[in-house]
Amino acid sequence: MKNNIISLKDEHSFKNILSSRLSFSNSSYRICYIPNRLKTLQYGIAVGKKTFRTAVLRNKIKRQIRMFLVKLPTIKCVDIVILVREGYLKNTFLENSKLFLDLYNNIR
């Protein structure tokens, strides 16, 4: 991965970002974010067990989203949490990539 993209691990960071009112959503994702003072993009991915039953499917979705993040044209200095919705399964990989990029570009 790029040096300026870091994964968020702790529950406190997730709750802090999710409690912010800064978010964008579509049929596949909801992206919550807060600006940070670091020169990095810090991300967390949330894939629900109720919506995506098997661990294999959840891990596949997380891998795909990490690929979207690595291939971003510009890195913004924000902390984001990506919540994956049920509509993710109805789209192809390329459609999901475009939907993610559209939401990411809305972030200021």
PDB file of N, CA and C in Angstrom:
ATOM      1  N   MET A   1       0.823  -1.181   0.000  1.00  0.00           N
ATOM      2  CA  MET A   1       0.000   0.000   0.000  1.00  0.00           C
ATOM      3  C   MET A   1       0.872   1.251   0.000  1.00  0.00           C
ATOM      4  N   LYS A   2       0.289   2.358  -0.352  1.00  0.00           N
ATOM      5  CA  LYS A   2       0.998   3.621  -0.311  1.00  0.00           C
ATOM      6  C   LYS A   2       1.266   4.009   1.132  1.00  0.00           C
ATOM      7  N   ASN A   3       2.334   4.771   1.319  1.00  0.00           N
ATOM      8  CA  ASN A   3       2.700   5.189   2.673  1.00  0.00           C
ATOM      9  C   ASN A   3       1.706   6.165   3.284  1.00  0.00           C
ATOM     10  N   ASN A   4       0.966   6.895   2.472  1.00  0.00           N
ATOM     11  CA  ASN A   4       0.071   7.899   3.014  1.00  0.00           C
ATOM     12  C   ASN A   4      -1.370   7.406   3.139  1.00  0.00           C
ATOM     13  N   ILE A   5      -1.576   6.104   3.148  1.00  0.00           N
ATOM     14  CA  ILE A   5      -2.890   5.511   3.400  1.00  0.00           C
ATOM     15  C   ILE A   5      -2.737   4.553   4.580  1.00  0.00           C
ATOM     16  N   ILE A   6      -3.477   4.831   5.651  1.00  0.00           N
ATOM     17  CA  ILE A   6      -3.338   4.063   6.887  1.00  0.00           C
ATOM     18  C   ILE A   6      -4.694   3.515   7.302  1.00  0.00           C
ATOM     19  N   SER A   7      -4.709   2.287   7.772  1.00  0.00           N
ATOM     20  CA  SER A   7      -5.935   1.648   8.232  1.00  0.00           C
ATOM     21  C   SER A   7      -6.226   2.022   9.686  1.00  0.00           C
ATOM     22  N   LEU A   8      -7.492   2.320   9.980  1.00  0.00           N
ATOM     23  CA  LEU A   8      -7.925   2.579  11.355  1.00  0.00           C
ATOM     24  C   LEU A   8      -8.310   1.257  12.000  1.00  0.00           C
ATOM     25  N   LYS A   9      -7.898   1.062  13.225  1.00  0.00           N
ATOM     26  CA  LYS A   9      -8.159  -0.206  13.901  1.00  0.00           C
ATOM     27  C   LYS A   9      -9.060  -0.080  15.133  1.00  0.00           C
ATOM     28  N   ASP A  10      -8.916   1.003  15.880  1.00  0.00           N
ATOM     29  CA  ASP A  10      -9.591   1.068  17.177  1.00  0.00           C
ATOM     30  C   ASP A  10     -11.033   1.551  17.083  1.00  0.00           C
ATOM     31  N   GLU A  11     -11.826   1.051  17.990  1.00  0.00           N
ATOM     32  CA  GLU A  11     -13.266   1.326  18.020  1.00  0.00           C
ATOM     33  C   GLU A  11     -13.557   2.804  18.268  1.00  0.00           C
ATOM     34  N   HIS A  12     -12.728   3.450  19.068  1.00  0.00           N
ATOM     35  CA  HIS A  12     -12.929   4.872  19.374  1.00  0.00           C
ATOM     36  C   HIS A  12     -12.863   5.726  18.106  1.00  0.00           C
ATOM     37  N   SER A  13     -11.920   5.438  17.233  1.00  0.00           N
ATOM     38  CA  SER A  13     -11.784   6.189  15.975  1.00  0.00           C
ATOM     39  C   SER A  13     -13.015   5.996  15.101  1.00  0.00           C
ATOM     40  N   PHE A  14     -13.491   4.758  14.987  1.00  0.00           N
ATOM     41  CA  PHE A  14     -14.689   4.476  14.191  1.00  0.00           C
ATOM     42  C   PHE A  14     -15.881   5.265  14.731  1.00  0.00           C
ATOM     43  N   LYS A  15     -16.101   5.215  16.044  1.00  0.00           N
ATOM     44  CA  LYS A  15     -17.248   5.901  16.643  1.00  0.00           C
ATOM     45  C   LYS A  15     -17.155   7.410  16.456  1.00  0.00           C
ATOM     46  N   ASN A  16     -15.951   7.950  16.580  1.00  0.00           N
ATOM     47  CA  ASN A  16     -15.743   9.377  16.415  1.00  0.00           C
ATOM     48  C   ASN A  16     -16.108   9.815  14.994  1.00  0.00           C
ATOM     49  N   ILE A  17     -15.675   9.066  14.010  1.00  0.00           N
ATOM     50  CA  ILE A  17     -15.958   9.404  12.612  1.00  0.00           C
ATOM     51  C   ILE A  17     -17.437   9.203  12.292  1.00  0.00           C
ATOM     52  N   LEU A  18     -18.010   8.099  12.757  1.00  0.00           N
ATOM     53  CA  LEU A  18     -19.418   7.820  12.473  1.00  0.00           C
ATOM     54  C   LEU A  18     -20.354   8.829  13.144  1.00  0.00           C
ATOM     55  N   SER A  19     -19.930   9.425  14.239  1.00  0.00           N
ATOM     56  CA  SER A  19     -20.779  10.402  14.919  1.00  0.00           C
ATOM     57  C   SER A  19     -20.763  11.769  14.222  1.00  0.00           C
ATOM     58  N   SER A  20     -19.806  11.980  13.328  1.00  0.00           N
ATOM     59  CA  SER A  20     -19.776  13.258  12.609  1.00  0.00           C
ATOM     60  C   SER A  20     -20.930  13.301  11.606  1.00  0.00           C
ATOM     61  N   ARG A  21     -21.359  14.476  11.283  1.00  0.00           N
ATOM     62  CA  ARG A  21     -22.478  14.622  10.350  1.00  0.00           C
ATOM     63  C   ARG A  21     -22.005  14.751   8.910  1.00  0.00           C
ATOM     64  N   LEU A  22     -20.715  14.622   8.695  1.00  0.00           N
ATOM     65  CA  LEU A  22     -20.171  14.737   7.353  1.00  0.00           C
ATOM     66  C   LEU A  22     -20.219  13.362   6.687  1.00  0.00           C
ATOM     67  N   SER A  23     -21.116  13.192   5.728  1.00  0.00           N
ATOM     68  CA  SER A  23     -21.219  11.899   5.060  1.00  0.00           C
ATOM     69  C   SER A  23     -21.868  12.049   3.691  1.00  0.00           C
ATOM     70  N   PHE A  24     -21.582  11.080   2.841  1.00  0.00           N
ATOM     71  CA  PHE A  24     -22.189  10.960   1.522  1.00  0.00           C
ATOM     72  C   PHE A  24     -22.600   9.503   1.354  1.00  0.00           C
ATOM     73  N   SER A  25     -23.654   9.270   0.561  1.00  0.00           N
ATOM     74  CA  SER A  25     -24.071   7.884   0.373  1.00  0.00           C
ATOM     75  C   SER A  25     -24.684   7.675  -1.000  1.00  0.00           C
ATOM     76  N   ASN A  26     -24.685   6.421  -1.406  1.00  0.00           N
ATOM     77  CA  ASN A  26     -25.384   5.975  -2.609  1.00  0.00           C
ATOM     78  C   ASN A  26     -25.890   4.560  -2.332  1.00  0.00           C
ATOM     79  N   SER A  27     -26.250   3.828  -3.373  1.00  0.00           N
ATOM     80  CA  SER A  27     -26.838   2.504  -3.175  1.00  0.00           C
ATOM     81  C   SER A  27     -25.836   1.479  -2.637  1.00  0.00           C
ATOM     82  N   SER A  28     -24.546   1.690  -2.852  1.00  0.00           N
ATOM     83  CA  SER A  28     -23.539   0.713  -2.445  1.00  0.00           C
ATOM     84  C   SER A  28     -22.774   1.086  -1.184  1.00  0.00           C
ATOM     85  N   TYR A  29     -22.624   2.382  -0.920  1.00  0.00           N
ATOM     86  CA  TYR A  29     -21.774   2.830   0.181  1.00  0.00           C
ATOM     87  C   TYR A  29     -22.408   3.977   0.945  1.00  0.00           C
ATOM     88  N   ARG A  30     -21.909   4.137   2.157  1.00  0.00           N
ATOM     89  CA  ARG A  30     -22.073   5.376   2.906  1.00  0.00           C
ATOM     90  C   ARG A  30     -20.687   5.704   3.425  1.00  0.00           C
ATOM     91  N   ILE A  31     -20.205   6.889   3.115  1.00  0.00           N
ATOM     92  CA  ILE A  31     -18.880   7.303   3.543  1.00  0.00           C
ATOM     93  C   ILE A  31     -19.028   8.435   4.556  1.00  0.00           C
ATOM     94  N   CYS A  32     -18.553   8.189   5.778  1.00  0.00           N
ATOM     95  CA  CYS A  32     -18.504   9.209   6.815  1.00  0.00           C
ATOM     96  C   CYS A  32     -17.050   9.648   6.940  1.00  0.00           C
ATOM     97  N   TYR A  33     -16.849  10.942   7.169  1.00  0.00           N
ATOM     98  CA  TYR A  33     -15.469  11.417   7.230  1.00  0.00           C
ATOM     99  C   TYR A  33     -15.330  12.610   8.159  1.00  0.00           C
ATOM    100  N   ILE A  34     -14.097  12.817   8.596  1.00  0.00           N
ATOM    101  CA  ILE A  34     -13.721  14.033   9.303  1.00  0.00           C
ATOM    102  C   ILE A  34     -12.338  14.432   8.800  1.00  0.00           C
ATOM    103  N   PRO A  35     -12.078  15.722   8.666  1.00  0.00           N
ATOM    104  CA  PRO A  35     -10.748  16.161   8.244  1.00  0.00           C
ATOM    105  C   PRO A  35      -9.716  15.862   9.333  1.00  0.00           C
ATOM    106  N   ASN A  36      -8.492  15.597   8.924  1.00  0.00           N
ATOM    107  CA  ASN A  36      -7.416  15.413   9.901  1.00  0.00           C
ATOM    108  C   ASN A  36      -6.263  16.349   9.578  1.00  0.00           C
ATOM    109  N   ARG A  37      -5.366  16.497  10.506  1.00  0.00           N
ATOM    110  CA  ARG A  37      -4.227  17.400  10.324  1.00  0.00           C
ATOM    111  C   ARG A  37      -2.999  16.669   9.810  1.00  0.00           C
ATOM    112  N   LEU A  38      -3.117  15.395   9.626  1.00  0.00           N
ATOM    113  CA  LEU A  38      -2.014  14.605   9.098  1.00  0.00           C
ATOM    114  C   LEU A  38      -2.010  14.716   7.583  1.00  0.00           C
ATOM    115  N   LYS A  39      -0.943  14.315   6.981  1.00  0.00           N
ATOM    116  CA  LYS A  39      -0.891  14.313   5.522  1.00  0.00           C
ATOM    117  C   LYS A  39      -1.171  12.899   5.010  1.00  0.00           C
ATOM    118  N   THR A  40      -2.144  12.264   5.646  1.00  0.00           N
ATOM    119  CA  THR A  40      -2.488  10.892   5.286  1.00  0.00           C
ATOM    120  C   THR A  40      -3.991  10.724   5.178  1.00  0.00           C
ATOM    121  N   LEU A  41      -4.374   9.668   4.495  1.00  0.00           N
ATOM    122  CA  LEU A  41      -5.761   9.227   4.446  1.00  0.00           C
ATOM    123  C   LEU A  41      -5.856   8.046   5.403  1.00  0.00           C
ATOM    124  N   GLN A  42      -6.676   8.164   6.437  1.00  0.00           N
ATOM    125  CA  GLN A  42      -6.890   7.066   7.361  1.00  0.00           C
ATOM    126  C   GLN A  42      -8.283   6.520   7.097  1.00  0.00           C
ATOM    127  N   TYR A  43      -8.384   5.205   6.930  1.00  0.00           N
ATOM    128  CA  TYR A  43      -9.658   4.616   6.541  1.00  0.00           C
ATOM    129  C   TYR A  43     -10.024   3.437   7.427  1.00  0.00           C
ATOM    130  N   GLY A  44     -11.327   3.206   7.484  1.00  0.00           N
ATOM    131  CA  GLY A  44     -11.874   2.021   8.121  1.00  0.00           C
ATOM    132  C   GLY A  44     -12.989   1.491   7.233  1.00  0.00           C
ATOM    133  N   ILE A  45     -13.141   0.183   7.197  1.00  0.00           N
ATOM    134  CA  ILE A  45     -14.167  -0.443   6.358  1.00  0.00           C
ATOM    135  C   ILE A  45     -15.088  -1.251   7.255  1.00  0.00           C
ATOM    136  N   ALA A  46     -16.401  -1.018   7.113  1.00  0.00           N
ATOM    137  CA  ALA A  46     -17.387  -1.749   7.904  1.00  0.00           C
ATOM    138  C   ALA A  46     -18.303  -2.516   6.954  1.00  0.00           C
ATOM    139  N   VAL A  47     -18.281  -3.840   7.084  1.00  0.00           N
ATOM    140  CA  VAL A  47     -19.127  -4.719   6.271  1.00  0.00           C
ATOM    141  C   VAL A  47     -19.957  -5.548   7.239  1.00  0.00           C
ATOM    142  N   GLY A  48     -21.275  -5.358   7.211  1.00  0.00           N
ATOM    143  CA  GLY A  48     -22.162  -5.986   8.185  1.00  0.00           C
ATOM    144  C   GLY A  48     -22.346  -7.484   8.013  1.00  0.00           C
ATOM    145  N   LYS A  49     -22.393  -8.190   9.134  1.00  0.00           N
ATOM    146  CA  LYS A  49     -22.610  -9.635   9.108  1.00  0.00           C
ATOM    147  C   LYS A  49     -24.035  -9.995   8.721  1.00  0.00           C
ATOM    148  N   LYS A  50     -24.993  -9.156   9.062  1.00  0.00           N
ATOM    149  CA  LYS A  50     -26.381  -9.468   8.738  1.00  0.00           C
ATOM    150  C   LYS A  50     -26.635  -9.364   7.241  1.00  0.00           C
ATOM    151  N   THR A  51     -25.986  -8.410   6.593  1.00  0.00           N
ATOM    152  CA  THR A  51     -26.191  -8.212   5.166  1.00  0.00           C
ATOM    153  C   THR A  51     -25.356  -9.175   4.341  1.00  0.00           C
ATOM    154  N   PHE A  52     -24.097  -9.352   4.727  1.00  0.00           N
ATOM    155  CA  PHE A  52     -23.163 -10.213   4.001  1.00  0.00           C
ATOM    156  C   PHE A  52     -22.791 -11.369   4.925  1.00  0.00           C
ATOM    157  N   ARG A  53     -23.469 -12.492   4.745  1.00  0.00           N
ATOM    158  CA  ARG A  53     -23.448 -13.595   5.712  1.00  0.00           C
ATOM    159  C   ARG A  53     -22.095 -14.273   5.896  1.00  0.00           C
ATOM    160  N   THR A  54     -21.376 -14.552   4.809  1.00  0.00           N
ATOM    161  CA  THR A  54     -20.171 -15.365   4.937  1.00  0.00           C
ATOM    162  C   THR A  54     -18.926 -14.497   5.078  1.00  0.00           C
ATOM    163  N   ALA A  55     -17.965 -14.996   5.834  1.00  0.00           N
ATOM    164  CA  ALA A  55     -16.709 -14.281   6.030  1.00  0.00           C
ATOM    165  C   ALA A  55     -15.939 -14.149   4.717  1.00  0.00           C
ATOM    166  N   VAL A  56     -16.070 -15.143   3.865  1.00  0.00           N
ATOM    167  CA  VAL A  56     -15.389 -15.101   2.566  1.00  0.00           C
ATOM    168  C   VAL A  56     -15.868 -13.891   1.757  1.00  0.00           C
ATOM    169  N   LEU A  57     -17.171 -13.665   1.727  1.00  0.00           N
ATOM    170  CA  LEU A  57     -17.737 -12.537   0.993  1.00  0.00           C
ATOM    171  C   LEU A  57     -17.329 -11.202   1.629  1.00  0.00           C
ATOM    172  N   ARG A  58     -17.385 -11.122   2.953  1.00  0.00           N
ATOM    173  CA  ARG A  58     -16.996  -9.878   3.628  1.00  0.00           C
ATOM    174  C   ARG A  58     -15.533  -9.540   3.360  1.00  0.00           C
ATOM    175  N   ASN A  59     -14.668 -10.526   3.413  1.00  0.00           N
ATOM    176  CA  ASN A  59     -13.245 -10.294   3.162  1.00  0.00           C
ATOM    177  C   ASN A  59     -12.980  -9.914   1.707  1.00  0.00           C
ATOM    178  N   LYS A  60     -13.716 -10.501   0.785  1.00  0.00           N
ATOM    179  CA  LYS A  60     -13.575 -10.145  -0.630  1.00  0.00           C
ATOM    180  C   LYS A  60     -13.942  -8.677  -0.848  1.00  0.00           C
ATOM    181  N   ILE A  61     -15.028  -8.238  -0.229  1.00  0.00           N
ATOM    182  CA  ILE A  61     -15.464  -6.849  -0.360  1.00  0.00           C
ATOM    183  C   ILE A  61     -14.407  -5.908   0.216  1.00  0.00           C
ATOM    184  N   LYS A  62     -13.854  -6.249   1.368  1.00  0.00           N
ATOM    185  CA  LYS A  62     -12.819  -5.415   1.978  1.00  0.00           C
ATOM    186  C   LYS A  62     -11.581  -5.330   1.093  1.00  0.00           C
ATOM    187  N   ARG A  63     -11.181  -6.448   0.499  1.00  0.00           N
ATOM    188  CA  ARG A  63     -10.021  -6.434  -0.416  1.00  0.00           C
ATOM    189  C   ARG A  63     -10.274  -5.524  -1.598  1.00  0.00           C
ATOM    190  N   GLN A  64     -11.478  -5.602  -2.158  1.00  0.00           N
ATOM    191  CA  GLN A  64     -11.807  -4.767  -3.310  1.00  0.00           C
ATOM    192  C   GLN A  64     -11.777  -3.288  -2.943  1.00  0.00           C
ATOM    193  N   ILE A  65     -12.307  -2.941  -1.788  1.00  0.00           N
ATOM    194  CA  ILE A  65     -12.314  -1.538  -1.370  1.00  0.00           C
ATOM    195  C   ILE A  65     -10.888  -1.044  -1.114  1.00  0.00           C
ATOM    196  N   ARG A  66     -10.048  -1.883  -0.538  1.00  0.00           N
ATOM    197  CA  ARG A  66      -8.645  -1.486  -0.356  1.00  0.00           C
ATOM    198  C   ARG A  66      -7.969  -1.234  -1.698  1.00  0.00           C
ATOM    199  N   MET A  67      -8.334  -2.001  -2.718  1.00  0.00           N
ATOM    200  CA  MET A  67      -7.805  -1.760  -4.066  1.00  0.00           C
ATOM    201  C   MET A  67      -8.275  -0.416  -4.597  1.00  0.00           C
ATOM    202  N   PHE A  68      -9.537  -0.072  -4.348  1.00  0.00           N
ATOM    203  CA  PHE A  68     -10.042   1.243  -4.777  1.00  0.00           C
ATOM    204  C   PHE A  68      -9.219   2.351  -4.121  1.00  0.00           C
ATOM    205  N   LEU A  69      -8.907   2.184  -2.843  1.00  0.00           N
ATOM    206  CA  LEU A  69      -8.165   3.207  -2.106  1.00  0.00           C
ATOM    207  C   LEU A  69      -6.744   3.372  -2.636  1.00  0.00           C
ATOM    208  N   VAL A  70      -6.087   2.275  -2.940  1.00  0.00           N
ATOM    209  CA  VAL A  70      -4.711   2.337  -3.431  1.00  0.00           C
ATOM    210  C   VAL A  70      -4.651   3.031  -4.793  1.00  0.00           C
ATOM    211  N   LYS A  71      -5.684   2.869  -5.597  1.00  0.00           N
ATOM    212  CA  LYS A  71      -5.689   3.431  -6.946  1.00  0.00           C
ATOM    213  C   LYS A  71      -6.298   4.834  -7.033  1.00  0.00           C
ATOM    214  N   LEU A  72      -6.519   5.481  -5.893  1.00  0.00           N
ATOM    215  CA  LEU A  72      -7.067   6.837  -5.911  1.00  0.00           C
ATOM    216  C   LEU A  72      -6.095   7.798  -6.590  1.00  0.00           C
ATOM    217  N   PRO A  73      -6.603   8.696  -7.437  1.00  0.00           N
ATOM    218  CA  PRO A  73      -5.711   9.639  -8.115  1.00  0.00           C
ATOM    219  C   PRO A  73      -5.095  10.667  -7.173  1.00  0.00           C
ATOM    220  N   THR A  74      -5.852  11.139  -6.184  1.00  0.00           N
ATOM    221  CA  THR A  74      -5.338  12.092  -5.202  1.00  0.00           C
ATOM    222  C   THR A  74      -5.734  11.633  -3.807  1.00  0.00           C
ATOM    223  N   ILE A  75      -4.833  11.855  -2.869  1.00  0.00           N
ATOM    224  CA  ILE A  75      -5.090  11.480  -1.482  1.00  0.00           C
ATOM    225  C   ILE A  75      -5.506  12.733  -0.717  1.00  0.00           C
ATOM    226  N   LYS A  76      -6.650  12.660  -0.055  1.00  0.00           N
ATOM    227  CA  LYS A  76      -7.143  13.778   0.752  1.00  0.00           C
ATOM    228  C   LYS A  76      -6.810  13.511   2.215  1.00  0.00           C
ATOM    229  N   CYS A  77      -6.569  14.556   2.961  1.00  0.00           N
ATOM    230  CA  CYS A  77      -6.200  14.438   4.370  1.00  0.00           C
ATOM    231  C   CYS A  77      -7.454  14.338   5.228  1.00  0.00           C
ATOM    232  N   VAL A  78      -8.043  13.150   5.250  1.00  0.00           N
ATOM    233  CA  VAL A  78      -9.262  12.902   6.007  1.00  0.00           C
ATOM    234  C   VAL A  78      -9.202  11.527   6.660  1.00  0.00           C
ATOM    235  N   ASP A  79     -10.040  11.349   7.655  1.00  0.00           N
ATOM    236  CA  ASP A  79     -10.297  10.035   8.244  1.00  0.00           C
ATOM    237  C   ASP A  79     -11.661   9.614   7.725  1.00  0.00           C
ATOM    238  N   ILE A  80     -11.759   8.448   7.093  1.00  0.00           N
ATOM    239  CA  ILE A  80     -13.040   8.007   6.552  1.00  0.00           C
ATOM    240  C   ILE A  80     -13.394   6.614   7.052  1.00  0.00           C
ATOM    241  N   VAL A  81     -14.687   6.389   7.171  1.00  0.00           N
ATOM    242  CA  VAL A  81     -15.221   5.049   7.420  1.00  0.00           C
ATOM    243  C   VAL A  81     -16.157   4.743   6.270  1.00  0.00           C
ATOM    244  N   ILE A  82     -15.926   3.613   5.628  1.00  0.00           N
ATOM    245  CA  ILE A  82     -16.716   3.192   4.474  1.00  0.00           C
ATOM    246  C   ILE A  82     -17.667   2.097   4.942  1.00  0.00           C
ATOM    247  N   LEU A  83     -18.953   2.387   4.914  1.00  0.00           N
ATOM    248  CA  LEU A  83     -19.978   1.416   5.276  1.00  0.00           C
ATOM    249  C   LEU A  83     -20.526   0.828   3.983  1.00  0.00           C
ATOM    250  N   VAL A  84     -20.453  -0.477   3.852  1.00  0.00           N
ATOM    251  CA  VAL A  84     -20.892  -1.139   2.628  1.00  0.00           C
ATOM    252  C   VAL A  84     -22.354  -1.531   2.774  1.00  0.00           C
ATOM    253  N   ARG A  85     -23.130  -1.212   1.749  1.00  0.00           N
ATOM    254  CA  ARG A  85     -24.566  -1.502   1.751  1.00  0.00           C
ATOM    255  C   ARG A  85     -24.885  -2.693   0.857  1.00  0.00           C
ATOM    256  N   GLU A  86     -26.119  -3.152   0.962  1.00  0.00           N
ATOM    257  CA  GLU A  86     -26.582  -4.333   0.230  1.00  0.00           C
ATOM    258  C   GLU A  86     -26.500  -4.155  -1.286  1.00  0.00           C
ATOM    259  N   GLY A  87     -26.649  -2.942  -1.762  1.00  0.00           N
ATOM    260  CA  GLY A  87     -26.588  -2.667  -3.194  1.00  0.00           C
ATOM    261  C   GLY A  87     -25.251  -2.994  -3.823  1.00  0.00           C
ATOM    262  N   TYR A  88     -24.220  -3.184  -3.012  1.00  0.00           N
ATOM    263  CA  TYR A  88     -22.882  -3.520  -3.505  1.00  0.00           C
ATOM    264  C   TYR A  88     -22.905  -4.793  -4.346  1.00  0.00           C
ATOM    265  N   LEU A  89     -23.704  -5.758  -3.928  1.00  0.00           N
ATOM    266  CA  LEU A  89     -23.741  -7.053  -4.619  1.00  0.00           C
ATOM    267  C   LEU A  89     -24.426  -6.995  -5.978  1.00  0.00           C
ATOM    268  N   LYS A  90     -25.247  -5.967  -6.203  1.00  0.00           N
ATOM    269  CA  LYS A  90     -25.993  -5.867  -7.454  1.00  0.00           C
ATOM    270  C   LYS A  90     -25.153  -5.289  -8.587  1.00  0.00           C
ATOM    271  N   ASN A  91     -23.991  -4.718  -8.262  1.00  0.00           N
ATOM    272  CA  ASN A  91     -23.144  -4.070  -9.255  1.00  0.00           C
ATOM    273  C   ASN A  91     -21.903  -4.898  -9.557  1.00  0.00           C
ATOM    274  N   THR A  92     -21.287  -4.586 -10.689  1.00  0.00           N
ATOM    275  CA  THR A  92     -20.024  -5.225 -11.030  1.00  0.00           C
ATOM    276  C   THR A  92     -18.892  -4.510 -10.298  1.00  0.00           C
ATOM    277  N   PHE A  93     -17.715  -5.087 -10.382  1.00  0.00           N
ATOM    278  CA  PHE A  93     -16.528  -4.503  -9.749  1.00  0.00           C
ATOM    279  C   PHE A  93     -16.271  -3.087 -10.275  1.00  0.00           C
ATOM    280  N   LEU A  94     -16.345  -2.896 -11.580  1.00  0.00           N
ATOM    281  CA  LEU A  94     -16.092  -1.580 -12.170  1.00  0.00           C
ATOM    282  C   LEU A  94     -17.152  -0.561 -11.779  1.00  0.00           C
ATOM    283  N   GLU A  95     -18.407  -0.990 -11.711  1.00  0.00           N
ATOM    284  CA  GLU A  95     -19.472  -0.080 -11.284  1.00  0.00           C
ATOM    285  C   GLU A  95     -19.270   0.345  -9.830  1.00  0.00           C
ATOM    286  N   ASN A  96     -18.894  -0.621  -8.979  1.00  0.00           N
ATOM    287  CA  ASN A  96     -18.636  -0.294  -7.576  1.00  0.00           C
ATOM    288  C   ASN A  96     -17.443   0.642  -7.440  1.00  0.00           C
ATOM    289  N   SER A  97     -16.437   0.435  -8.269  1.00  0.00           N
ATOM    290  CA  SER A  97     -15.271   1.311  -8.257  1.00  0.00           C
ATOM    291  C   SER A  97     -15.665   2.744  -8.611  1.00  0.00           C
ATOM    292  N   LYS A  98     -16.483   2.897  -9.639  1.00  0.00           N
ATOM    293  CA  LYS A  98     -16.925   4.227 -10.069  1.00  0.00           C
ATOM    294  C   LYS A  98     -17.807   4.881  -9.007  1.00  0.00           C
ATOM    295  N   LEU A  99     -18.711   4.110  -8.402  1.00  0.00           N
ATOM    296  CA  LEU A  99     -19.564   4.650  -7.344  1.00  0.00           C
ATOM    297  C   LEU A  99     -18.734   5.132  -6.147  1.00  0.00           C
ATOM    298  N   PHE A 100     -17.711   4.360  -5.803  1.00  0.00           N
ATOM    299  CA  PHE A 100     -16.842   4.751  -4.703  1.00  0.00           C
ATOM    300  C   PHE A 100     -16.078   6.028  -5.040  1.00  0.00           C
ATOM    301  N   LEU A 101     -15.525   6.089  -6.237  1.00  0.00           N
ATOM    302  CA  LEU A 101     -14.758   7.261  -6.655  1.00  0.00           C
ATOM    303  C   LEU A 101     -15.628   8.515  -6.689  1.00  0.00           C
ATOM    304  N   ASP A 102     -16.884   8.371  -7.135  1.00  0.00           N
ATOM    305  CA  ASP A 102     -17.804   9.516  -7.148  1.00  0.00           C
ATOM    306  C   ASP A 102     -18.039  10.059  -5.745  1.00  0.00           C
ATOM    307  N   LEU A 103     -18.242   9.157  -4.769  1.00  0.00           N
ATOM    308  CA  LEU A 103     -18.439   9.610  -3.388  1.00  0.00           C
ATOM    309  C   LEU A 103     -17.171  10.233  -2.820  1.00  0.00           C
ATOM    310  N   TYR A 104     -16.039   9.616  -3.109  1.00  0.00           N
ATOM    311  CA  TYR A 104     -14.767  10.120  -2.592  1.00  0.00           C
ATOM    312  C   TYR A 104     -14.471  11.518  -3.135  1.00  0.00           C
ATOM    313  N   ASN A 105     -14.810  11.759  -4.378  1.00  0.00           N
ATOM    314  CA  ASN A 105     -14.558  13.070  -4.969  1.00  0.00           C
ATOM    315  C   ASN A 105     -15.441  14.162  -4.382  1.00  0.00           C
ATOM    316  N   ASN A 106     -16.538  13.818  -3.724  1.00  0.00           N
ATOM    317  CA  ASN A 106     -17.397  14.799  -3.061  1.00  0.00           C
ATOM    318  C   ASN A 106     -16.766  15.338  -1.773  1.00  0.00           C
ATOM    319  N   ILE A 107     -15.801  14.599  -1.216  1.00  0.00           N
ATOM    320  CA  ILE A 107     -15.160  15.016   0.027  1.00  0.00           C
ATOM    321  C   ILE A 107     -14.281  16.229  -0.253  1.00  0.00           C
ATOM    322  N   ARG A 108     -14.364  17.223   0.609  1.00  0.00           N
ATOM    323  CA  ARG A 108     -13.566  18.446   0.427  1.00  0.00           C
ATOM    324  C   ARG A 108     -12.315  18.406   1.268  1.00  0.00           C
TER     325      ARG A 108
END
